[in-house]
């Protein structure tokens, strides 16, 4: 009888691949306006959240004028701040 020992590294690789695939399949919010609408805030408020509170906004090749965000990252960020009551309620 042959028993197979599980390789813990395989689990880590599978988790990483699953997370990458999820981000790739997720709809990308491609402008300040889309990001603000998703969060239910104004554009300037969302820009302030990025600047002052670390809202996860991405910029390809560090280009300031192009922004995008993944909804899952925004939800995670929002959950962290809501639990600390840092953001003003709507």
N, C-alpha and C. Protein backbone atom coordinates (compact mmCIF):
# COMPACT_ATOMS: atom_id res chain seq x y z
N UNK A 1 0.84 -1.17 0.00
CA UNK A 1 0.00 0.00 0.00
C UNK A 1 0.89 1.25 0.00
N UNK A 2 0.62 2.15 -0.92
CA UNK A 2 1.39 3.37 -1.03
C UNK A 2 0.58 4.51 -0.46
N UNK A 3 1.19 5.23 0.45
CA UNK A 3 0.50 6.40 1.00
C UNK A 3 1.17 7.65 0.46
N UNK A 4 0.37 8.63 0.19
CA UNK A 4 0.90 9.88 -0.33
C UNK A 4 0.91 10.91 0.80
N UNK A 5 2.08 11.48 1.01
CA UNK A 5 2.17 12.54 1.98
C UNK A 5 1.85 13.85 1.28
N UNK A 6 1.06 14.65 1.93
CA UNK A 6 0.73 15.92 1.30
C UNK A 6 1.90 16.88 1.47
N UNK A 7 2.11 17.62 0.44
CA UNK A 7 3.18 18.62 0.43
C UNK A 7 2.57 19.95 0.80
N UNK A 8 2.95 20.55 1.95
CA UNK A 8 2.33 21.80 2.35
C UNK A 8 2.56 22.93 1.34
N UNK A 9 3.64 22.87 0.60
CA UNK A 9 3.92 23.92 -0.39
C UNK A 9 2.85 23.94 -1.48
N UNK A 10 2.29 22.78 -1.80
CA UNK A 10 1.26 22.71 -2.83
C UNK A 10 0.04 23.52 -2.40
N UNK A 11 -0.31 23.45 -1.13
CA UNK A 11 -1.44 24.23 -0.62
C UNK A 11 -1.21 25.72 -0.76
N UNK A 12 0.00 26.15 -0.46
CA UNK A 12 0.32 27.59 -0.60
C UNK A 12 0.24 28.02 -2.04
N UNK A 13 0.77 27.22 -2.94
CA UNK A 13 0.74 27.55 -4.36
C UNK A 13 -0.69 27.62 -4.85
N UNK A 14 -1.50 26.64 -4.46
CA UNK A 14 -2.90 26.62 -4.88
C UNK A 14 -3.65 27.85 -4.35
N UNK A 15 -3.39 28.23 -3.10
CA UNK A 15 -4.04 29.42 -2.54
C UNK A 15 -3.63 30.67 -3.31
N UNK A 16 -2.34 30.79 -3.63
CA UNK A 16 -1.86 31.96 -4.39
C UNK A 16 -2.50 32.00 -5.77
N UNK A 17 -2.55 30.85 -6.45
CA UNK A 17 -3.15 30.80 -7.78
C UNK A 17 -4.63 31.15 -7.73
N UNK A 18 -5.32 30.67 -6.72
CA UNK A 18 -6.75 30.97 -6.57
C UNK A 18 -6.95 32.47 -6.38
N UNK A 19 -6.11 33.11 -5.53
CA UNK A 19 -6.24 34.54 -5.29
C UNK A 19 -5.93 35.35 -6.55
N UNK A 20 -4.89 34.97 -7.28
CA UNK A 20 -4.53 35.67 -8.52
C UNK A 20 -5.64 35.53 -9.55
N UNK A 21 -6.18 34.32 -9.69
CA UNK A 21 -7.26 34.09 -10.65
C UNK A 21 -8.48 34.91 -10.28
N UNK A 22 -8.79 35.00 -8.98
CA UNK A 22 -9.93 35.79 -8.54
C UNK A 22 -9.75 37.25 -8.92
N UNK A 23 -8.56 37.80 -8.68
CA UNK A 23 -8.31 39.20 -9.02
C UNK A 23 -8.38 39.42 -10.53
N UNK A 24 -7.88 38.45 -11.30
CA UNK A 24 -7.90 38.60 -12.76
C UNK A 24 -9.33 38.54 -13.30
N UNK A 25 -10.19 37.72 -12.68
CA UNK A 25 -11.56 37.56 -13.15
C UNK A 25 -12.48 38.67 -12.64
N UNK A 26 -12.03 39.41 -11.66
CA UNK A 26 -12.86 40.43 -11.03
C UNK A 26 -12.94 41.67 -11.93
N UNK A 27 -14.10 42.30 -11.92
CA UNK A 27 -14.29 43.55 -12.66
C UNK A 27 -13.38 44.61 -12.06
N UNK A 28 -12.69 45.34 -12.89
CA UNK A 28 -11.80 46.39 -12.44
C UNK A 28 -12.51 47.73 -12.54
N UNK A 29 -12.42 48.51 -11.47
CA UNK A 29 -12.97 49.86 -11.47
C UNK A 29 -11.88 50.75 -12.07
N UNK A 30 -12.16 51.37 -13.22
CA UNK A 30 -11.12 52.00 -14.00
C UNK A 30 -11.04 53.50 -13.99
N UNK A 31 -11.69 54.15 -13.03
CA UNK A 31 -11.60 55.60 -12.96
C UNK A 31 -11.97 56.05 -11.55
N UNK A 32 -11.62 57.29 -11.24
CA UNK A 32 -12.01 57.84 -9.94
C UNK A 32 -13.53 57.82 -9.79
N UNK A 33 -14.22 58.11 -10.87
CA UNK A 33 -15.69 58.17 -10.82
C UNK A 33 -16.28 56.79 -10.49
N UNK A 34 -15.76 55.74 -11.12
CA UNK A 34 -16.25 54.38 -10.84
C UNK A 34 -15.93 53.97 -9.41
N UNK A 35 -14.73 54.29 -8.94
CA UNK A 35 -14.32 53.94 -7.58
C UNK A 35 -15.21 54.67 -6.57
N UNK A 36 -15.43 55.96 -6.81
CA UNK A 36 -16.28 56.76 -5.92
C UNK A 36 -17.71 56.22 -5.90
N UNK A 37 -18.24 55.89 -7.05
CA UNK A 37 -19.60 55.34 -7.12
C UNK A 37 -19.69 54.02 -6.37
N UNK A 38 -18.68 53.19 -6.52
CA UNK A 38 -18.66 51.90 -5.83
C UNK A 38 -18.70 52.09 -4.31
N UNK A 39 -17.97 53.10 -3.82
CA UNK A 39 -17.91 53.35 -2.38
C UNK A 39 -19.05 54.25 -1.89
N UNK A 40 -19.81 54.83 -2.84
CA UNK A 40 -20.91 55.70 -2.46
C UNK A 40 -20.43 57.04 -1.92
N UNK A 41 -19.31 57.51 -2.43
CA UNK A 41 -18.71 58.78 -1.99
C UNK A 41 -18.42 59.63 -3.21
N UNK A 42 -18.03 60.88 -3.00
CA UNK A 42 -17.62 61.74 -4.09
C UNK A 42 -16.18 61.47 -4.50
N UNK A 43 -15.82 61.91 -5.69
CA UNK A 43 -14.48 61.68 -6.21
C UNK A 43 -13.42 62.30 -5.30
N UNK A 44 -13.63 63.53 -4.88
CA UNK A 44 -12.62 64.19 -4.03
C UNK A 44 -12.48 63.50 -2.68
N UNK A 45 -13.57 62.98 -2.15
CA UNK A 45 -13.51 62.25 -0.88
C UNK A 45 -12.68 60.99 -1.05
N UNK A 46 -12.90 60.26 -2.14
CA UNK A 46 -12.16 59.04 -2.40
C UNK A 46 -10.67 59.34 -2.61
N UNK A 47 -10.37 60.42 -3.29
CA UNK A 47 -8.97 60.81 -3.48
C UNK A 47 -8.33 61.16 -2.13
N UNK A 48 -9.09 61.78 -1.25
CA UNK A 48 -8.58 62.08 0.09
C UNK A 48 -8.36 60.78 0.88
N UNK A 49 -9.28 59.82 0.74
CA UNK A 49 -9.10 58.53 1.41
C UNK A 49 -7.81 57.86 0.95
N UNK A 50 -7.51 57.96 -0.33
CA UNK A 50 -6.26 57.37 -0.82
C UNK A 50 -5.07 58.08 -0.19
N UNK A 51 -5.09 59.38 -0.22
CA UNK A 51 -3.96 60.18 0.25
C UNK A 51 -3.76 60.05 1.76
N UNK A 52 -4.84 60.12 2.52
CA UNK A 52 -4.72 60.19 3.97
C UNK A 52 -4.92 58.86 4.70
N UNK A 53 -5.68 57.95 4.09
CA UNK A 53 -6.03 56.71 4.80
C UNK A 53 -5.56 55.44 4.09
N UNK A 54 -4.88 55.60 2.95
CA UNK A 54 -4.30 54.44 2.29
C UNK A 54 -5.28 53.60 1.48
N UNK A 55 -6.32 54.21 0.93
CA UNK A 55 -7.24 53.48 0.06
C UNK A 55 -6.44 52.80 -1.05
N UNK A 56 -6.65 51.50 -1.29
CA UNK A 56 -5.82 50.76 -2.25
C UNK A 56 -6.14 51.08 -3.71
N UNK A 57 -5.53 52.12 -4.20
CA UNK A 57 -5.66 52.53 -5.60
C UNK A 57 -4.39 52.12 -6.33
N UNK A 58 -4.53 51.60 -7.52
CA UNK A 58 -3.37 51.17 -8.30
C UNK A 58 -3.16 52.09 -9.48
N UNK A 59 -1.91 52.23 -9.84
CA UNK A 59 -1.52 53.04 -11.01
C UNK A 59 -0.53 52.24 -11.84
N UNK A 60 -0.88 51.93 -13.09
CA UNK A 60 0.06 51.17 -13.91
C UNK A 60 1.31 52.00 -14.21
N UNK A 61 2.45 51.40 -13.98
CA UNK A 61 3.74 52.05 -14.25
C UNK A 61 3.87 53.41 -13.58
N UNK A 62 3.27 53.55 -12.40
CA UNK A 62 3.35 54.79 -11.62
C UNK A 62 2.87 56.02 -12.37
N UNK A 63 1.94 55.85 -13.27
CA UNK A 63 1.37 57.00 -13.99
C UNK A 63 0.29 57.62 -13.11
N UNK A 64 0.47 58.88 -12.73
CA UNK A 64 -0.46 59.54 -11.81
C UNK A 64 -1.87 59.67 -12.38
N UNK A 65 -1.99 59.88 -13.68
CA UNK A 65 -3.30 60.17 -14.25
C UNK A 65 -4.17 58.93 -14.46
N UNK A 66 -3.59 57.74 -14.46
CA UNK A 66 -4.36 56.51 -14.68
C UNK A 66 -4.51 55.79 -13.34
N UNK A 67 -5.76 55.50 -12.96
CA UNK A 67 -6.01 54.80 -11.71
C UNK A 67 -6.98 53.64 -11.95
N UNK A 68 -6.86 52.62 -11.11
CA UNK A 68 -7.85 51.55 -11.10
C UNK A 68 -7.82 50.89 -9.74
N UNK A 69 -8.87 50.13 -9.45
CA UNK A 69 -8.97 49.45 -8.16
C UNK A 69 -9.79 48.17 -8.33
N UNK A 70 -9.47 47.21 -7.48
CA UNK A 70 -10.23 45.96 -7.44
C UNK A 70 -11.27 46.06 -6.32
N UNK A 71 -12.53 45.77 -6.62
CA UNK A 71 -13.57 45.84 -5.59
C UNK A 71 -13.26 45.02 -4.33
N UNK A 72 -12.66 43.86 -4.48
CA UNK A 72 -12.36 43.03 -3.30
C UNK A 72 -11.36 43.73 -2.38
N UNK A 73 -10.39 44.43 -2.96
CA UNK A 73 -9.43 45.17 -2.13
C UNK A 73 -10.09 46.36 -1.45
N UNK A 74 -11.00 47.02 -2.16
CA UNK A 74 -11.72 48.14 -1.57
C UNK A 74 -12.60 47.66 -0.42
N UNK A 75 -13.28 46.52 -0.60
CA UNK A 75 -14.13 45.96 0.47
C UNK A 75 -13.29 45.63 1.69
N UNK A 76 -12.14 45.01 1.49
CA UNK A 76 -11.27 44.66 2.62
C UNK A 76 -10.80 45.91 3.36
N UNK A 77 -10.40 46.92 2.60
CA UNK A 77 -9.95 48.18 3.18
C UNK A 77 -11.09 48.82 3.97
N UNK A 78 -12.27 48.85 3.37
CA UNK A 78 -13.43 49.46 4.00
C UNK A 78 -13.80 48.73 5.29
N UNK A 79 -13.77 47.41 5.28
CA UNK A 79 -14.08 46.64 6.48
C UNK A 79 -13.11 46.95 7.61
N UNK A 80 -11.83 47.09 7.29
CA UNK A 80 -10.83 47.42 8.32
C UNK A 80 -11.13 48.78 8.95
N UNK A 81 -11.47 49.77 8.13
CA UNK A 81 -11.71 51.11 8.67
C UNK A 81 -13.07 51.24 9.34
N UNK A 82 -14.06 50.53 8.86
CA UNK A 82 -15.38 50.59 9.51
C UNK A 82 -15.29 50.02 10.92
N UNK A 83 -14.49 48.97 11.10
CA UNK A 83 -14.37 48.35 12.41
C UNK A 83 -13.68 49.29 13.40
N UNK A 84 -12.89 50.24 12.89
CA UNK A 84 -12.20 51.20 13.76
C UNK A 84 -12.94 52.54 13.84
N UNK A 85 -14.06 52.65 13.16
CA UNK A 85 -14.87 53.88 13.14
C UNK A 85 -14.07 55.11 12.71
N UNK A 86 -13.20 54.94 11.73
CA UNK A 86 -12.39 56.05 11.23
C UNK A 86 -13.15 56.82 10.17
N UNK A 87 -13.90 56.13 9.33
CA UNK A 87 -14.62 56.78 8.24
C UNK A 87 -15.94 57.35 8.74
N UNK A 88 -16.31 58.51 8.23
CA UNK A 88 -17.61 59.06 8.60
C UNK A 88 -18.73 58.18 8.04
N UNK A 89 -19.79 58.04 8.80
CA UNK A 89 -20.91 57.22 8.31
C UNK A 89 -21.65 57.98 7.23
N UNK A 90 -22.31 57.24 6.38
CA UNK A 90 -23.03 57.81 5.25
C UNK A 90 -24.35 58.37 5.63
